[in-house]
Amino acid sequence: MNIEELIKNRKDQLNVEFPPDEVWGNIQKSWKNEKPTSQWWKIAAAVFITLSIGLLLHNISLQSQVDELASLGDISEDYRVMEDDFIAQISTIEAGLEIEKVKSQNDFEWIFQELNTLDEINEMYRKDIGTINSHELTGILIDYYEKKIRLLKKLELEIKRNNKLNENETTDTNSIRM
């Protein structure tokens, strides 16, 4: 019973100038008996909400850690220097190739498919840094950079070859006209 019902039920006894202590005592006992039950529900709800939020934050934290790909530098400082060198080489080659412009040409689609596959495999291995043998993983990641550089250089050669073929066709066409 809630406090309002108790007061309504004992209205006649409380409508006097000085209600008997017994009436207040009964109301107080009834209220005390009811109050702990609702407090336990509130405590249980608070614990549940706290645990739910904690679990959610933990899962978000784990996901962000997985999303952050590790690097060779996480294994050793020497590897960090090597990786930085590989990244610089790749950036230099890509800048010289104007990758976005080349991607629009269908002639080189197969190379870009290989590069994408290579990048996907690399991401999978990077997630394993710290969980498996770092010696094996180091070799795999170094191999990734070397393969990517070779593919980009092959792309560079293919572009040059295509440009020469186009120049020769243009030259041949012009010489035929003369």
N, C-alpha and C. Protein backbone atom coordinates (compact mmCIF):
# COMPACT_ATOMS: atom_id res chain seq x y z
N MET A 1 0.84 -1.17 0.00
CA MET A 1 0.00 0.00 0.00
C MET A 1 0.89 1.24 0.00
N ASN A 2 0.53 2.25 -0.80
CA ASN A 2 1.34 3.45 -0.79
C ASN A 2 0.84 4.42 0.28
N ILE A 3 1.58 5.46 0.50
CA ILE A 3 1.30 6.39 1.59
C ILE A 3 -0.07 7.06 1.43
N GLU A 4 -0.46 7.37 0.21
CA GLU A 4 -1.75 8.03 -0.01
C GLU A 4 -2.90 7.13 0.42
N GLU A 5 -2.82 5.86 0.08
CA GLU A 5 -3.89 4.93 0.46
C GLU A 5 -3.95 4.77 1.98
N LEU A 6 -2.80 4.73 2.61
CA LEU A 6 -2.78 4.61 4.07
C LEU A 6 -3.46 5.81 4.73
N ILE A 7 -3.15 6.99 4.22
CA ILE A 7 -3.75 8.20 4.81
C ILE A 7 -5.26 8.23 4.54
N LYS A 8 -5.69 7.86 3.33
CA LYS A 8 -7.13 7.83 3.02
C LYS A 8 -7.86 6.83 3.91
N ASN A 9 -7.26 5.67 4.12
CA ASN A 9 -7.90 4.65 4.96
C ASN A 9 -8.01 5.09 6.42
N ARG A 10 -7.10 5.89 6.85
CA ARG A 10 -7.11 6.31 8.26
C ARG A 10 -7.48 7.79 8.39
N LYS A 11 -8.18 8.31 7.42
CA LYS A 11 -8.56 9.72 7.40
C LYS A 11 -9.35 10.11 8.65
N ASP A 12 -10.26 9.28 9.04
CA ASP A 12 -11.07 9.60 10.23
C ASP A 12 -10.20 9.70 11.48
N GLN A 13 -9.23 8.83 11.57
CA GLN A 13 -8.38 8.82 12.76
C GLN A 13 -7.40 9.99 12.73
N LEU A 14 -7.04 10.48 11.53
CA LEU A 14 -6.07 11.57 11.41
C LEU A 14 -6.72 12.96 11.44
N ASN A 15 -8.02 13.05 11.24
CA ASN A 15 -8.70 14.33 11.21
C ASN A 15 -9.00 14.88 12.61
N VAL A 16 -8.26 14.52 13.54
CA VAL A 16 -8.40 15.06 14.89
C VAL A 16 -7.23 15.97 15.15
N GLU A 17 -7.36 16.80 16.21
CA GLU A 17 -6.30 17.76 16.50
C GLU A 17 -4.99 17.06 16.81
N PHE A 18 -5.03 16.04 17.61
CA PHE A 18 -3.83 15.28 17.92
C PHE A 18 -4.09 13.81 17.63
N PRO A 19 -3.72 13.32 16.43
CA PRO A 19 -3.97 11.92 16.11
C PRO A 19 -3.15 11.02 17.04
N PRO A 20 -3.65 9.87 17.37
CA PRO A 20 -2.92 8.98 18.26
C PRO A 20 -1.61 8.51 17.60
N ASP A 21 -0.62 8.33 18.46
CA ASP A 21 0.69 7.87 17.99
C ASP A 21 0.59 6.50 17.32
N GLU A 22 -0.35 5.72 17.76
CA GLU A 22 -0.55 4.38 17.20
C GLU A 22 -0.86 4.44 15.70
N VAL A 23 -1.65 5.43 15.27
CA VAL A 23 -2.00 5.57 13.85
C VAL A 23 -0.75 5.90 13.04
N TRP A 24 0.04 6.85 13.53
CA TRP A 24 1.28 7.22 12.83
C TRP A 24 2.25 6.05 12.83
N GLY A 25 2.29 5.33 13.90
CA GLY A 25 3.17 4.15 13.98
C GLY A 25 2.79 3.10 12.95
N ASN A 26 1.49 2.84 12.80
CA ASN A 26 1.04 1.87 11.79
C ASN A 26 1.38 2.33 10.36
N ILE A 27 1.18 3.62 10.12
CA ILE A 27 1.51 4.16 8.78
C ILE A 27 3.01 4.03 8.53
N GLN A 28 3.78 4.37 9.54
CA GLN A 28 5.23 4.32 9.40
C GLN A 28 5.71 2.89 9.17
N LYS A 29 5.16 1.92 9.88
CA LYS A 29 5.53 0.51 9.69
C LYS A 29 5.17 0.04 8.28
N SER A 30 3.99 0.40 7.83
CA SER A 30 3.55 -0.01 6.49
C SER A 30 4.45 0.59 5.41
N TRP A 31 4.82 1.81 5.61
CA TRP A 31 5.67 2.47 4.63
C TRP A 31 7.07 1.88 4.63
N LYS A 32 7.62 1.59 5.78
CA LYS A 32 8.96 0.99 5.88
C LYS A 32 8.97 -0.38 5.22
N ASN A 33 7.91 -1.12 5.39
CA ASN A 33 7.84 -2.46 4.78
C ASN A 33 7.83 -2.37 3.26
N GLU A 34 7.22 -1.34 2.73
CA GLU A 34 7.11 -1.21 1.28
C GLU A 34 8.37 -0.60 0.67
N LYS A 35 9.01 0.31 1.32
CA LYS A 35 10.11 1.08 0.78
C LYS A 35 11.32 0.23 0.37
N PRO A 36 11.79 -0.71 1.18
CA PRO A 36 12.98 -1.47 0.77
C PRO A 36 12.78 -2.23 -0.54
N THR A 37 11.60 -2.72 -0.80
CA THR A 37 11.36 -3.45 -2.04
C THR A 37 11.60 -2.56 -3.24
N SER A 38 11.08 -1.36 -3.20
CA SER A 38 11.27 -0.45 -4.33
C SER A 38 12.72 0.00 -4.42
N GLN A 39 13.40 0.10 -3.28
CA GLN A 39 14.81 0.47 -3.31
C GLN A 39 15.65 -0.63 -3.96
N TRP A 40 15.32 -1.88 -3.69
CA TRP A 40 16.08 -2.98 -4.30
C TRP A 40 15.92 -2.97 -5.82
N TRP A 41 14.71 -2.66 -6.27
CA TRP A 41 14.50 -2.58 -7.71
C TRP A 41 15.32 -1.44 -8.31
N LYS A 42 15.37 -0.33 -7.61
CA LYS A 42 16.15 0.81 -8.10
C LYS A 42 17.63 0.47 -8.12
N ILE A 43 18.10 -0.19 -7.08
CA ILE A 43 19.51 -0.58 -7.03
C ILE A 43 19.82 -1.58 -8.14
N ALA A 44 18.95 -2.56 -8.32
CA ALA A 44 19.15 -3.55 -9.38
C ALA A 44 19.14 -2.89 -10.76
N ALA A 45 18.24 -1.95 -10.95
CA ALA A 45 18.18 -1.25 -12.24
C ALA A 45 19.45 -0.42 -12.47
N ALA A 46 19.92 0.25 -11.42
CA ALA A 46 21.14 1.05 -11.54
C ALA A 46 22.35 0.16 -11.86
N VAL A 47 22.45 -0.99 -11.19
CA VAL A 47 23.55 -1.92 -11.46
C VAL A 47 23.45 -2.43 -12.89
N PHE A 48 22.26 -2.77 -13.32
CA PHE A 48 22.06 -3.26 -14.69
C PHE A 48 22.47 -2.21 -15.72
N ILE A 49 22.04 -0.99 -15.52
CA ILE A 49 22.38 0.09 -16.45
C ILE A 49 23.89 0.33 -16.46
N THR A 50 24.50 0.34 -15.27
CA THR A 50 25.94 0.54 -15.18
C THR A 50 26.70 -0.56 -15.91
N LEU A 51 26.31 -1.80 -15.69
CA LEU A 51 26.96 -2.92 -16.36
C LEU A 51 26.75 -2.86 -17.88
N SER A 52 25.56 -2.50 -18.30
CA SER A 52 25.28 -2.40 -19.73
C SER A 52 26.14 -1.34 -20.39
N ILE A 53 26.23 -0.19 -19.76
CA ILE A 53 27.06 0.89 -20.31
C ILE A 53 28.53 0.48 -20.31
N GLY A 54 28.97 -0.16 -19.23
CA GLY A 54 30.36 -0.62 -19.17
C GLY A 54 30.67 -1.62 -20.26
N LEU A 55 29.77 -2.56 -20.49
CA LEU A 55 29.96 -3.55 -21.54
C LEU A 55 29.97 -2.90 -22.91
N LEU A 56 29.09 -1.96 -23.13
CA LEU A 56 29.04 -1.24 -24.40
C LEU A 56 30.34 -0.48 -24.64
N LEU A 57 30.82 0.24 -23.63
CA LEU A 57 32.07 0.99 -23.77
C LEU A 57 33.25 0.05 -24.00
N HIS A 58 33.25 -1.09 -23.34
CA HIS A 58 34.32 -2.07 -23.52
C HIS A 58 34.33 -2.59 -24.96
N ASN A 59 33.16 -2.91 -25.49
CA ASN A 59 33.07 -3.39 -26.87
C ASN A 59 33.51 -2.33 -27.87
N ILE A 60 33.13 -1.09 -27.61
CA ILE A 60 33.55 0.01 -28.49
C ILE A 60 35.06 0.16 -28.43
N SER A 61 35.62 0.07 -27.23
CA SER A 61 37.07 0.17 -27.07
C SER A 61 37.79 -0.94 -27.81
N LEU A 62 37.29 -2.17 -27.69
CA LEU A 62 37.91 -3.29 -28.39
C LEU A 62 37.82 -3.10 -29.90
N GLN A 63 36.69 -2.62 -30.38
CA GLN A 63 36.52 -2.42 -31.81
C GLN A 63 37.48 -1.36 -32.32
N SER A 64 37.67 -0.28 -31.56
CA SER A 64 38.58 0.77 -32.01
C SER A 64 40.01 0.27 -32.00
N GLN A 65 40.36 -0.63 -31.07
CA GLN A 65 41.70 -1.20 -31.06
C GLN A 65 41.91 -2.09 -32.27
N VAL A 66 40.90 -2.82 -32.65
CA VAL A 66 41.00 -3.68 -33.83
C VAL A 66 41.09 -2.82 -35.08
N ASP A 67 40.35 -1.71 -35.11
CA ASP A 67 40.36 -0.85 -36.27
C ASP A 67 41.70 -0.18 -36.50
N GLU A 68 42.41 0.08 -35.42
CA GLU A 68 43.73 0.69 -35.55
C GLU A 68 44.72 -0.40 -35.93
N LEU A 69 45.21 -0.34 -37.15
CA LEU A 69 46.12 -1.37 -37.61
C LEU A 69 47.50 -1.12 -37.03
N ALA A 70 48.12 -2.19 -36.60
CA ALA A 70 49.45 -2.10 -36.04
C ALA A 70 50.45 -1.94 -37.18
N SER A 71 51.67 -1.58 -36.81
CA SER A 71 52.70 -1.41 -37.81
C SER A 71 53.92 -2.23 -37.43
N LEU A 72 54.87 -2.32 -38.36
CA LEU A 72 56.11 -3.04 -38.06
C LEU A 72 56.85 -2.36 -36.91
N GLY A 73 56.68 -1.06 -36.78
CA GLY A 73 57.32 -0.32 -35.70
C GLY A 73 56.86 -0.76 -34.33
N ASP A 74 55.71 -1.40 -34.26
CA ASP A 74 55.23 -1.91 -32.98
C ASP A 74 56.03 -3.13 -32.54
N ILE A 75 56.71 -3.76 -33.50
CA ILE A 75 57.53 -4.93 -33.18
C ILE A 75 58.93 -4.49 -32.78
N SER A 76 59.52 -3.57 -33.56
CA SER A 76 60.89 -3.13 -33.29
C SER A 76 61.10 -1.76 -33.93
N GLU A 77 61.97 -0.96 -33.33
CA GLU A 77 62.27 0.37 -33.86
C GLU A 77 62.98 0.26 -35.21
N ASP A 78 63.82 -0.77 -35.38
CA ASP A 78 64.50 -0.98 -36.66
C ASP A 78 63.47 -1.19 -37.77
N TYR A 79 62.44 -1.94 -37.46
CA TYR A 79 61.40 -2.19 -38.45
C TYR A 79 60.61 -0.93 -38.76
N ARG A 80 60.51 -0.04 -37.78
CA ARG A 80 59.79 1.22 -38.01
C ARG A 80 60.50 2.02 -39.10
N VAL A 81 61.83 2.08 -39.02
CA VAL A 81 62.61 2.81 -40.02
C VAL A 81 62.43 2.16 -41.40
N MET A 82 62.48 0.84 -41.43
CA MET A 82 62.31 0.10 -42.68
C MET A 82 60.92 0.35 -43.26
N GLU A 83 59.92 0.31 -42.40
CA GLU A 83 58.55 0.52 -42.86
C GLU A 83 58.37 1.94 -43.38
N ASP A 84 58.94 2.91 -42.69
CA ASP A 84 58.85 4.30 -43.15
C ASP A 84 59.48 4.46 -44.53
N ASP A 85 60.60 3.75 -44.76
CA ASP A 85 61.27 3.79 -46.06
C ASP A 85 60.37 3.19 -47.15
N PHE A 86 59.76 2.04 -46.84
CA PHE A 86 58.84 1.41 -47.80
C PHE A 86 57.67 2.34 -48.13
N ILE A 87 57.10 2.95 -47.10
CA ILE A 87 55.96 3.85 -47.30
C ILE A 87 56.36 5.04 -48.15
N ALA A 88 57.57 5.57 -47.91
CA ALA A 88 58.06 6.70 -48.71
C ALA A 88 58.23 6.30 -50.17
N GLN A 89 58.77 5.10 -50.41
CA GLN A 89 58.94 4.62 -51.79
C GLN A 89 57.59 4.49 -52.49
N ILE A 90 56.64 3.90 -51.78
CA ILE A 90 55.30 3.71 -52.35
C ILE A 90 54.65 5.05 -52.66
N SER A 91 54.78 5.99 -51.75
CA SER A 91 54.18 7.32 -51.96
C SER A 91 54.81 8.02 -53.16
N THR A 92 56.13 7.89 -53.29
CA THR A 92 56.83 8.51 -54.41
C THR A 92 56.37 7.93 -55.74
N ILE A 93 56.28 6.61 -55.80
CA ILE A 93 55.84 5.96 -57.04
C ILE A 93 54.40 6.35 -57.36
N GLU A 94 53.52 6.32 -56.35
CA GLU A 94 52.11 6.66 -56.58
C GLU A 94 51.96 8.11 -57.03
N ALA A 95 52.76 9.01 -56.45
CA ALA A 95 52.67 10.42 -56.85
C ALA A 95 53.11 10.59 -58.30
N GLY A 96 54.14 9.87 -58.71
CA GLY A 96 54.61 9.95 -60.09
C GLY A 96 53.63 9.36 -61.08
N LEU A 97 52.84 8.40 -60.63
CA LEU A 97 51.89 7.73 -61.52
C LEU A 97 50.56 8.45 -61.66
N GLU A 98 50.29 9.36 -60.75
CA GLU A 98 48.97 9.99 -60.70
C GLU A 98 47.90 8.90 -60.65
N ILE A 99 47.93 8.13 -59.58
CA ILE A 99 47.11 6.93 -59.41
C ILE A 99 45.64 7.14 -59.74
N GLU A 100 45.06 8.21 -59.27
CA GLU A 100 43.62 8.43 -59.50
C GLU A 100 43.31 8.54 -60.99
N LYS A 101 44.20 9.17 -61.72
CA LYS A 101 44.01 9.31 -63.16
C LYS A 101 44.14 7.95 -63.85
N VAL A 102 45.11 7.16 -63.39
CA VAL A 102 45.37 5.86 -63.99
C VAL A 102 44.24 4.87 -63.67
N LYS A 103 43.66 4.99 -62.47
CA LYS A 103 42.58 4.07 -62.07
C LYS A 103 41.39 4.14 -63.01
N SER A 104 41.20 5.29 -63.62
CA SER A 104 40.05 5.45 -64.51
C SER A 104 40.23 4.71 -65.83
N GLN A 105 41.47 4.31 -66.12
CA GLN A 105 41.73 3.57 -67.36
C GLN A 105 41.52 2.08 -67.12
N ASN A 106 40.79 1.45 -67.98
CA ASN A 106 40.50 0.02 -67.83
C ASN A 106 41.69 -0.87 -68.14
N ASP A 107 42.71 -0.33 -68.79
CA ASP A 107 43.86 -1.13 -69.17
C ASP A 107 44.59 -1.73 -67.97
N PHE A 108 44.51 -1.07 -66.84
CA PHE A 108 45.30 -1.48 -65.68
C PHE A 108 44.45 -2.01 -64.53
N GLU A 109 43.24 -2.36 -64.83
CA GLU A 109 42.32 -2.83 -63.79
C GLU A 109 42.87 -4.05 -63.05
N TRP A 110 43.51 -4.94 -63.75
CA TRP A 110 44.04 -6.16 -63.14
C TRP A 110 45.11 -5.85 -62.09
N ILE A 111 45.91 -4.82 -62.34
CA ILE A 111 46.94 -4.46 -61.35
C ILE A 111 46.28 -3.89 -60.10
N PHE A 112 45.25 -3.07 -60.29
CA PHE A 112 44.57 -2.49 -59.13
C PHE A 112 43.82 -3.55 -58.33
N GLN A 113 43.32 -4.57 -59.01
CA GLN A 113 42.69 -5.69 -58.29
C GLN A 113 43.73 -6.42 -57.44
N GLU A 114 44.91 -6.63 -58.00
CA GLU A 114 45.97 -7.28 -57.23
C GLU A 114 46.40 -6.42 -56.05
N LEU A 115 46.51 -5.12 -56.27
CA LEU A 115 46.87 -4.21 -55.18
C LEU A 115 45.82 -4.23 -54.07
N ASN A 116 44.55 -4.23 -54.44
CA ASN A 116 43.48 -4.28 -53.44
C ASN A 116 43.51 -5.58 -52.65
N THR A 117 43.71 -6.69 -53.34
CA THR A 117 43.80 -7.98 -52.66
C THR A 117 44.99 -7.99 -51.71
N LEU A 118 46.10 -7.46 -52.17
CA LEU A 118 47.30 -7.39 -51.34
C LEU A 118 47.05 -6.54 -50.09
N ASP A 119 46.36 -5.41 -50.26
CA ASP A 119 46.04 -4.54 -49.11
C ASP A 119 45.11 -5.23 -48.12
N GLU A 120 44.13 -5.98 -48.62
CA GLU A 120 43.21 -6.70 -47.73
C GLU A 120 43.95 -7.75 -46.91
N ILE A 121 44.84 -8.48 -47.55
CA ILE A 121 45.63 -9.50 -46.84
C ILE A 121 46.52 -8.82 -45.81
N ASN A 122 47.11 -7.69 -46.19
CA ASN A 122 47.97 -6.95 -45.27
C ASN A 122 47.21 -6.52 -44.02
N GLU A 123 45.98 -6.04 -44.19
CA GLU A 123 45.17 -5.62 -43.04
C GLU A 123 44.90 -6.79 -42.10
N MET A 124 44.64 -7.96 -42.67
CA MET A 124 44.39 -9.14 -41.83
C MET A 124 45.63 -9.47 -40.99
N TYR A 125 46.79 -9.42 -41.61
CA TYR A 125 48.01 -9.75 -40.87
C TYR A 125 48.34 -8.68 -39.83
N ARG A 126 48.08 -7.43 -40.13
CA ARG A 126 48.38 -6.36 -39.17
C ARG A 126 47.56 -6.51 -37.89
N LYS A 127 46.36 -7.05 -38.02
CA LYS A 127 45.54 -7.27 -36.83
C LYS A 127 46.14 -8.33 -35.93
N ASP A 128 47.00 -9.18 -36.50
CA ASP A 128 47.62 -10.26 -35.73
C ASP A 128 48.91 -9.85 -35.03
N ILE A 129 49.39 -8.62 -35.27
CA ILE A 129 50.63 -8.19 -34.62
C ILE A 129 50.43 -8.25 -33.11
N GLY A 130 51.36 -8.88 -32.46
CA GLY A 130 51.29 -9.03 -31.01
C GLY A 130 50.61 -10.30 -30.57
N THR A 131 49.93 -11.00 -31.48
CA THR A 131 49.24 -12.22 -31.08
C THR A 131 49.91 -13.47 -31.63
N ILE A 132 50.67 -13.33 -32.71
CA ILE A 132 51.38 -14.50 -33.25
C ILE A 132 52.86 -14.19 -33.33
N ASN A 133 53.64 -15.16 -33.73
CA ASN A 133 55.09 -15.05 -33.80
C ASN A 133 55.48 -13.83 -34.63
N SER A 134 56.16 -12.88 -34.00
CA SER A 134 56.48 -11.63 -34.69
C SER A 134 57.51 -11.84 -35.80
N HIS A 135 58.36 -12.87 -35.69
CA HIS A 135 59.37 -13.12 -36.73
C HIS A 135 58.69 -13.49 -38.05
N GLU A 136 57.73 -14.39 -37.99
CA GLU A 136 56.99 -14.79 -39.20
C GLU A 136 56.19 -13.62 -39.75
N LEU A 137 55.54 -12.91 -38.87
CA LEU A 137 54.70 -11.79 -39.28
C LEU A 137 55.53 -10.68 -39.90
N THR A 138 56.71 -10.44 -39.37
CA THR A 138 57.60 -9.42 -39.91
C THR A 138 57.95 -9.74 -41.35
N GLY A 139 58.30 -10.99 -41.60
CA GLY A 139 58.62 -11.40 -42.97
C GLY A 139 57.45 -11.21 -43.91
N ILE A 140 56.26 -11.52 -43.44
CA ILE A 140 55.06 -11.38 -44.27
C ILE A 140 54.79 -9.90 -44.59
N LEU A 141 54.93 -9.04 -43.59
CA LEU A 141 54.65 -7.62 -43.81
C LEU A 141 55.71 -6.96 -44.69
N ILE A 142 56.96 -7.37 -44.53
CA ILE A 142 58.02 -6.85 -45.41
C ILE A 142 57.75 -7.31 -46.85
N ASP A 143 57.37 -8.56 -46.98
CA ASP A 143 57.03 -9.11 -48.30
C ASP A 143 55.89 -8.32 -48.94
N TYR A 144 54.92 -7.91 -48.12
CA TYR A 144 53.80 -7.11 -48.62
C TYR A 144 54.32 -5.82 -49.26
N TYR A 145 55.18 -5.11 -48.54
CA TYR A 145 55.70 -3.85 -49.07
C TYR A 145 56.49 -4.08 -50.35
N GLU A 146 57.32 -5.11 -50.36
CA GLU A 146 58.11 -5.40 -51.56
C GLU A 146 57.22 -5.73 -52.75
N LYS A 147 56.18 -6.53 -52.52
CA LYS A 147 55.26 -6.87 -53.61
C LYS A 147 54.51 -5.64 -54.11
N LYS A 148 54.10 -4.79 -53.18
CA LYS A 148 53.36 -3.59 -53.58
C LYS A 148 54.25 -2.69 -54.42
N ILE A 149 55.51 -2.54 -54.01
CA ILE A 149 56.44 -1.72 -54.78
C ILE A 149 56.65 -2.32 -56.17
N ARG A 150 56.82 -3.65 -56.23
CA ARG A 150 56.99 -4.31 -57.54
C ARG A 150 55.76 -4.10 -58.43
N LEU A 151 54.57 -4.24 -57.86
CA LEU A 151 53.36 -4.03 -58.66
C LEU A 151 53.24 -2.59 -59.15
N LEU A 152 53.58 -1.64 -58.29
CA LEU A 152 53.52 -0.24 -58.71
C LEU A 152 54.55 0.06 -59.80
N LYS A 153 55.74 -0.55 -59.68
CA LYS A 153 56.76 -0.36 -60.72
C LYS A 153 56.32 -1.02 -62.03
N LYS A 154 55.67 -2.18 -61.91
CA LYS A 154 55.13 -2.84 -63.11
C LYS A 154 54.07 -1.95 -63.76
N LEU A 155 53.23 -1.35 -62.93
CA LEU A 155 52.22 -0.43 -63.45
C LEU A 155 52.89 0.74 -64.16
N GLU A 156 53.95 1.25 -63.55
CA GLU A 156 54.69 2.36 -64.15
C GLU A 156 55.25 1.96 -65.52
N LEU A 157 55.82 0.77 -65.61
CA LEU A 157 56.36 0.29 -66.89
C LEU A 157 55.25 0.10 -67.92
N GLU A 158 54.12 -0.45 -67.49
CA GLU A 158 52.98 -0.64 -68.40
C GLU A 158 52.47 0.69 -68.93
N ILE A 159 52.43 1.69 -68.09
CA ILE A 159 51.98 3.02 -68.52
C ILE A 159 52.94 3.58 -69.55
N LYS A 160 54.25 3.46 -69.28
CA LYS A 160 55.25 3.95 -70.23
C LYS A 160 55.15 3.21 -71.56
N ARG A 161 54.96 1.90 -71.49
CA ARG A 161 54.84 1.09 -72.71
C ARG A 161 53.61 1.52 -73.51
N ASN A 162 52.49 1.72 -72.82
CA ASN A 162 51.27 2.17 -73.50
C ASN A 162 51.45 3.55 -74.12
N ASN A 163 52.13 4.42 -73.40
CA ASN A 163 52.37 5.77 -73.93
C ASN A 163 53.23 5.71 -75.19
N LYS A 164 54.26 4.85 -75.19
CA LYS A 164 55.11 4.70 -76.37
C LYS A 164 54.32 4.12 -77.53
N LEU A 165 53.48 3.14 -77.25
CA LEU A 165 52.66 2.56 -78.31
C LEU A 165 51.73 3.61 -78.90
N ASN A 166 51.16 4.42 -78.04
CA ASN A 166 50.27 5.49 -78.51
C ASN A 166 51.03 6.52 -79.34
N GLU A 167 52.27 6.84 -78.90
CA GLU A 167 53.10 7.78 -79.65
C GLU A 167 53.45 7.21 -81.02
N ASN A 168 53.81 5.92 -81.04
CA ASN A 168 54.16 5.28 -82.31
C ASN A 168 52.97 5.24 -83.25
N GLU A 169 51.79 4.95 -82.72
CA GLU A 169 50.59 4.93 -83.56
C GLU A 169 50.31 6.32 -84.11
N THR A 170 50.51 7.33 -83.28
CA THR A 170 50.28 8.70 -83.72
C THR A 170 51.31 9.09 -84.77
N THR A 171 52.57 8.71 -84.55
CA THR A 171 53.63 9.01 -85.50
C THR A 171 53.39 8.30 -86.82
N ASP A 172 53.00 7.02 -86.74
CA ASP A 172 52.72 6.26 -87.95
C ASP A 172 51.55 6.86 -88.72
N THR A 173 50.54 7.30 -88.02
CA THR A 173 49.37 7.89 -88.66
C THR A 173 49.76 9.20 -89.35
N ASN A 174 50.60 9.98 -88.67
CA ASN A 174 51.03 11.26 -89.24
C ASN A 174 51.93 11.04 -90.46
N SER A 175 52.81 10.04 -90.40
CA SER A 175 53.72 9.79 -91.53
C SER A 175 52.96 9.24 -92.73
N ILE A 176 51.89 8.49 -92.49
CA ILE A 176 51.08 7.96 -93.58
C ILE A 176 50.36 9.10 -94.29
N ARG A 177 49.94 10.10 -93.57
CA ARG A 177 49.21 11.23 -94.14
C ARG A 177 50.11 12.07 -95.03
N MET A 178 51.37 12.07 -94.76
CA MET A 178 52.27 12.92 -95.53
C MET A 178 52.54 12.34 -96.83
